[in-house]
Amino acid sequence: MTDTAKIESIGERLHKARLKKKVSIDEAYKDIKIHPKVLLALEEDRYEEFLSSIYIKAFLKTYCRYLELDAHKIIADYEALNPRKSTEGQRQKFDIGSDDQHAQAAGQGGETLMSSVRRWLVPGLGAAAVVIAAVLVIFFAVKAAGRIKFTRKTPVKTAANAVSGAEIPSGRSLALEEAEPLKLIIKAKGSVWMQIRADGEIIFQNVLKKGSVEVYTAQKKFQLWIGKGELVELTLNGHSLGSPGNGTLKSLLITHEGLHTSST
């Protein structure tokens, strides 16, 4: 380790590299789809805001690649500073040394999200238009047939399951600490259009590619609109929520209490 590396913290190195690249936090967020609050926390060495070291290392690897830094060296330095957290992270399914698994954990699929969007944008416009049209048709059909509303204290049902009468699998109702940040992992079993809001702000609105795994954070709530609910698997703070349901799902609400339907 060089003398400079000994003096500069990991966050300082990230901050210095971003300034050298001449991009703002918001520009970096648009390119790699890691929330600005997460990027700032990385640059300010506020790792205690994350629930697990596996998320920290996932974000570090993605951000280092974007900033053209040596990701393996940065992660090695992080593990040396946090041996206990690193040991805990090794017991999880993700292997930080595996590029394929780590790329999925960061939601990049082996490349930056911006590169993926550019590659998908032109050929995917036609498919996206078909998906959006299907979403609108199904939405208005369900609305015309009448919508069943549920209170937050009743067993949670998605719009599709409410129509079919299917019961929601166990594990949808949680009791997380209010002060605990929400960490949502979304796994796409097929290419699916989604809109994701974190604390009221749209952080994703596009087609999520098959096989990708996206990780998002929020302080209070997530709101989801999913083109095909059966193509998505959700995990909140390490608790599996499974697939939210079949067909078009609008205004799904995820809070510290679990998965709910929303009245808005």
Protein backbone atom coordinates (compact mmCIF):
# COMPACT_ATOMS: atom_id res chain seq x y z
CA MET A 1 0.00 0.00 0.00
CA THR A 2 1.42 3.38 -0.96
CA ASP A 3 1.87 6.28 1.45
CA THR A 4 -1.04 8.08 -0.25
CA ALA A 5 -3.32 5.07 0.20
CA LYS A 6 -2.36 4.93 3.88
CA ILE A 7 -3.38 8.54 4.38
CA GLU A 8 -6.50 8.62 2.20
CA SER A 9 -9.57 6.67 3.29
CA ILE A 10 -11.61 4.62 0.85
CA GLY A 11 -14.22 7.37 0.68
CA GLU A 12 -11.60 10.00 -0.03
CA ARG A 13 -10.22 7.94 -2.90
CA LEU A 14 -13.70 7.53 -4.37
CA HIS A 15 -14.41 11.25 -4.02
CA LYS A 16 -11.08 12.22 -5.58
CA ALA A 17 -11.63 9.83 -8.51
CA ARG A 18 -15.14 11.22 -9.15
CA LEU A 19 -13.81 14.78 -9.22
CA LYS A 20 -11.07 13.69 -11.60
CA LYS A 21 -13.72 12.13 -13.84
CA LYS A 22 -15.59 15.47 -13.65
CA VAL A 23 -19.01 14.02 -12.85
CA SER A 24 -21.47 15.00 -10.12
CA ILE A 25 -23.19 12.61 -7.72
CA ASP A 26 -26.40 12.96 -9.74
CA GLU A 27 -24.58 12.22 -12.99
CA ALA A 28 -23.01 9.12 -11.47
CA TYR A 29 -26.45 8.02 -10.25
CA LYS A 30 -27.89 8.39 -13.76
CA ASP A 31 -25.04 6.31 -15.19
CA ILE A 32 -24.96 3.40 -12.72
CA LYS A 33 -28.34 3.68 -10.95
CA ILE A 34 -26.94 3.63 -7.41
CA HIS A 35 -28.94 6.08 -5.31
CA PRO A 36 -27.19 9.41 -4.58
CA LYS A 37 -27.54 8.82 -0.83
CA VAL A 38 -25.62 5.56 -1.19
CA LEU A 39 -22.88 7.17 -3.29
CA LEU A 40 -22.46 9.97 -0.73
CA ALA A 41 -22.31 7.44 2.11
CA LEU A 42 -19.53 5.56 0.28
CA GLU A 43 -17.55 8.75 -0.29
CA GLU A 44 -17.98 9.80 3.34
CA ASP A 45 -17.03 6.34 4.77
CA ARG A 46 -20.41 6.02 6.50
CA TYR A 47 -20.62 2.23 6.15
CA GLU A 48 -22.72 1.84 9.28
CA GLU A 49 -25.73 2.98 7.22
CA PHE A 50 -25.73 -0.37 5.38
CA LEU A 51 -27.27 -3.52 6.75
CA SER A 52 -24.61 -5.93 5.53
CA SER A 53 -21.05 -5.84 4.24
CA ILE A 54 -22.17 -7.70 1.11
CA TYR A 55 -24.12 -4.62 0.00
CA ILE A 56 -21.20 -2.33 0.77
CA LYS A 57 -18.81 -4.44 -1.29
CA ALA A 58 -21.32 -4.73 -4.11
CA PHE A 59 -21.71 -0.97 -4.32
CA LEU A 60 -17.96 -0.42 -3.93
CA LYS A 61 -17.15 -2.74 -6.82
CA THR A 62 -19.69 -1.11 -9.14
CA TYR A 63 -18.61 2.42 -8.19
CA CYS A 64 -14.89 1.60 -8.53
CA ARG A 65 -15.42 0.21 -12.03
CA TYR A 66 -17.31 3.35 -12.98
CA LEU A 67 -14.54 5.56 -11.59
CA GLU A 68 -11.83 3.35 -13.19
CA LEU A 69 -10.31 2.41 -9.83
CA ASP A 70 -8.90 -0.96 -8.79
CA ALA A 71 -12.03 -2.51 -7.28
CA HIS A 72 -10.25 -5.54 -5.84
CA LYS A 73 -7.73 -3.35 -4.00
CA ILE A 74 -10.47 -1.08 -2.61
CA ILE A 75 -12.49 -4.07 -1.40
CA ALA A 76 -9.36 -5.66 0.11
CA ASP A 77 -8.73 -2.43 2.02
CA TYR A 78 -12.35 -2.39 3.21
CA GLU A 79 -12.10 -6.01 4.41
CA ALA A 80 -8.86 -5.23 6.24
CA LEU A 81 -10.58 -2.36 8.06
CA ASN A 82 -13.74 -4.38 8.78
CA PRO A 83 -12.63 -8.00 9.40
CA ARG A 84 -15.72 -8.96 11.40
CA LYS A 85 -18.17 -7.55 8.84
CA SER A 86 -16.22 -9.19 6.01
CA THR A 87 -16.47 -12.58 7.76
CA GLU A 88 -20.22 -12.13 8.10
CA GLY A 89 -20.48 -11.25 4.43
CA GLN A 90 -18.63 -14.42 3.41
CA ARG A 91 -21.37 -16.54 4.97
CA GLN A 92 -23.93 -15.13 2.51
CA LYS A 93 -24.63 -16.61 -0.90
CA PHE A 94 -22.94 -13.86 -2.90
CA ASP A 95 -19.19 -14.25 -3.43
CA ILE A 96 -17.50 -10.88 -3.69
CA GLY A 97 -14.64 -12.47 -5.63
CA SER A 98 -16.96 -13.64 -8.38
CA ASP A 99 -17.44 -11.09 -11.14
CA ASP A 100 -20.67 -12.71 -12.41
CA GLN A 101 -22.35 -12.93 -9.01
CA HIS A 102 -21.16 -9.51 -7.96
CA ALA A 103 -22.26 -7.89 -11.19
CA GLN A 104 -25.73 -9.32 -10.56
CA ALA A 105 -25.71 -8.06 -6.97
CA ALA A 106 -24.99 -4.56 -8.25
CA GLY A 107 -27.59 -4.97 -10.99
CA GLN A 108 -25.10 -4.38 -13.78
CA GLY A 109 -24.98 -7.78 -15.55
CA GLY A 110 -21.22 -7.52 -16.15
CA GLU A 111 -21.35 -3.96 -17.48
CA THR A 112 -22.41 -0.51 -16.28
CA LEU A 113 -26.10 0.17 -16.33
CA MET A 114 -25.63 3.06 -18.73
CA SER A 115 -23.89 0.76 -21.20
CA SER A 116 -26.72 -1.73 -20.82
CA VAL A 117 -29.36 0.98 -21.36
CA ARG A 118 -27.59 2.26 -24.47
CA ARG A 119 -27.40 -1.24 -25.87
CA TRP A 120 -31.07 -1.89 -25.10
CA LEU A 121 -32.54 1.51 -25.90
CA VAL A 122 -32.93 1.41 -29.68
CA PRO A 123 -33.82 -2.29 -30.22
CA GLY A 124 -35.94 -2.32 -27.08
CA LEU A 125 -38.23 0.60 -27.92
CA GLY A 126 -40.66 -1.57 -29.86
CA ALA A 127 -40.82 -4.21 -27.15
CA ALA A 128 -41.24 -1.55 -24.46
CA ALA A 129 -44.13 -0.01 -26.37
CA VAL A 130 -45.86 -3.40 -26.56
CA VAL A 131 -45.35 -3.99 -22.83
CA ILE A 132 -46.68 -0.53 -21.90
CA ALA A 133 -49.71 -0.99 -24.16
CA ALA A 134 -50.42 -4.36 -22.52
CA VAL A 135 -50.08 -2.75 -19.09
CA LEU A 136 -52.64 -0.07 -19.96
CA VAL A 137 -55.13 -2.56 -21.44
CA ILE A 138 -54.97 -4.83 -18.39
CA PHE A 139 -55.12 -1.89 -15.99
CA PHE A 140 -58.30 -0.44 -17.50
CA ALA A 141 -59.85 -3.91 -17.72
CA VAL A 142 -59.26 -4.49 -14.01
CA LYS A 143 -60.50 -0.99 -13.19
CA ALA A 144 -63.69 -1.56 -15.17
CA ALA A 145 -64.34 -4.86 -13.39
CA GLY A 146 -64.00 -3.18 -9.99
CA ARG A 147 -61.06 -3.06 -7.62
CA ILE A 148 -60.97 -4.84 -4.27
CA LYS A 149 -59.34 -2.78 -1.52
CA PHE A 150 -57.54 -4.14 1.52
CA THR A 151 -56.58 -2.59 4.82
CA ARG A 152 -52.97 -2.85 5.98
CA LYS A 153 -53.98 -5.11 8.89
CA THR A 154 -55.55 -7.79 6.70
CA PRO A 155 -53.52 -10.44 4.83
CA VAL A 156 -51.87 -8.58 1.97
CA LYS A 157 -53.13 -9.31 -1.53
CA THR A 158 -51.95 -8.01 -4.86
CA ALA A 159 -54.43 -6.90 -7.50
CA ALA A 160 -53.97 -10.13 -9.50
CA ASN A 161 -54.32 -12.42 -6.47
CA ALA A 162 -57.35 -10.51 -5.24
CA VAL A 163 -59.18 -11.36 -8.45
CA SER A 164 -58.19 -15.04 -8.40
CA GLY A 165 -58.71 -15.46 -4.65
CA ALA A 166 -55.22 -16.91 -4.20
CA GLU A 167 -53.70 -16.45 -0.76
CA ILE A 168 -50.54 -14.42 -0.29
CA PRO A 169 -47.55 -16.62 0.71
CA SER A 170 -46.21 -16.30 4.24
CA GLY A 171 -43.48 -13.74 4.94
CA ARG A 172 -45.23 -10.70 3.42
CA SER A 173 -45.88 -9.06 6.81
CA LEU A 174 -42.78 -7.87 8.67
CA ALA A 175 -42.03 -5.82 11.75
CA LEU A 176 -38.74 -4.08 11.00
CA GLU A 177 -37.38 -1.31 13.20
CA GLU A 178 -38.52 2.11 11.94
CA ALA A 179 -34.98 3.47 12.20
CA GLU A 180 -33.61 0.68 10.03
CA PRO A 181 -33.05 1.69 6.39
CA LEU A 182 -34.95 -0.39 3.85
CA LYS A 183 -32.83 -2.51 1.50
CA LEU A 184 -34.81 -3.93 -1.44
CA ILE A 185 -33.36 -6.57 -3.78
CA ILE A 186 -35.27 -7.13 -7.04
CA LYS A 187 -34.48 -10.18 -9.15
CA ALA A 188 -35.90 -10.36 -12.68
CA LYS A 189 -36.80 -13.87 -13.89
CA GLY A 190 -37.74 -12.36 -17.25
CA SER A 191 -37.50 -8.95 -18.90
CA VAL A 192 -40.17 -6.80 -17.25
CA TRP A 193 -41.14 -3.12 -17.22
CA MET A 194 -41.03 -1.51 -13.78
CA GLN A 195 -41.35 1.84 -12.07
CA ILE A 196 -39.68 2.09 -8.66
CA ARG A 197 -40.08 4.98 -6.22
CA ALA A 198 -37.97 5.35 -3.06
CA ASP A 199 -39.46 7.72 -0.49
CA GLY A 200 -41.59 9.28 -3.24
CA GLU A 201 -38.76 9.78 -5.77
CA ILE A 202 -38.64 7.81 -9.04
CA ILE A 203 -35.30 5.96 -9.06
CA PHE A 204 -36.00 3.49 -11.90
CA GLN A 205 -38.46 3.47 -14.80
CA ASN A 206 -37.49 1.13 -17.59
CA VAL A 207 -37.37 -2.51 -18.68
CA LEU A 208 -35.47 -4.61 -16.13
CA LYS A 209 -33.46 -7.16 -18.09
CA LYS A 210 -33.94 -10.90 -17.49
CA GLY A 211 -31.43 -12.28 -14.99
CA SER A 212 -30.49 -8.91 -13.50
CA VAL A 213 -30.52 -8.22 -9.77
CA GLU A 214 -31.06 -4.62 -8.63
CA VAL A 215 -30.43 -3.33 -5.09
CA TYR A 216 -32.16 -0.16 -3.86
CA THR A 217 -32.36 1.66 -0.51
CA ALA A 218 -34.99 3.87 1.10
CA GLN A 219 -35.64 5.32 4.52
CA LYS A 220 -39.42 4.82 4.76
CA LYS A 221 -41.03 3.17 1.74
CA PHE A 222 -40.88 1.83 -1.81
CA GLN A 223 -43.71 2.06 -4.36
CA LEU A 224 -43.69 -0.34 -7.31
CA TRP A 225 -45.54 -0.61 -10.62
CA ILE A 226 -44.75 -3.91 -12.33
CA GLY A 227 -45.79 -5.01 -15.82
CA LYS A 228 -45.73 -8.73 -14.96
CA GLY A 229 -45.53 -9.49 -11.26
CA GLU A 230 -44.74 -13.18 -11.78
CA LEU A 231 -41.39 -12.26 -13.39
CA VAL A 232 -40.09 -10.55 -10.24
CA GLU A 233 -38.80 -11.82 -6.89
CA LEU A 234 -38.42 -9.40 -3.94
CA THR A 235 -36.23 -9.51 -0.84
CA LEU A 236 -36.49 -6.85 1.89
CA ASN A 237 -33.69 -6.54 4.47
CA GLY A 238 -32.85 -10.21 4.05
CA HIS A 239 -36.50 -11.38 4.25
CA SER A 240 -37.86 -13.00 1.10
CA LEU A 241 -41.16 -11.51 -0.10
CA GLY A 242 -41.27 -13.85 -3.08
CA SER A 243 -43.18 -12.91 -6.23
CA PRO A 244 -45.73 -10.13 -5.58
CA GLY A 245 -48.37 -11.74 -7.83
CA ASN A 246 -49.37 -12.33 -11.45
CA GLY A 247 -50.07 -9.85 -14.20
CA THR A 248 -49.98 -6.07 -13.98
CA LEU A 249 -49.46 -4.77 -10.45
CA LYS A 250 -49.90 -1.07 -9.66
CA SER A 251 -49.14 0.86 -6.49
CA LEU A 252 -47.51 -1.90 -4.50
CA LEU A 253 -46.22 -0.43 -1.23
CA ILE A 254 -43.23 -1.82 0.68
CA THR A 255 -42.59 -0.46 4.18
CA HIS A 256 -41.06 -1.64 7.46
CA GLU A 257 -44.29 -3.61 7.94
CA GLY A 258 -43.89 -5.59 4.70
CA LEU A 259 -45.70 -5.67 1.35
CA HIS A 260 -49.05 -3.90 0.92
CA THR A 261 -51.40 -2.56 -1.68
CA SER A 262 -51.53 1.24 -1.84
CA SER A 263 -54.57 3.50 -2.16
CA THR A 264 -52.57 5.98 -4.24
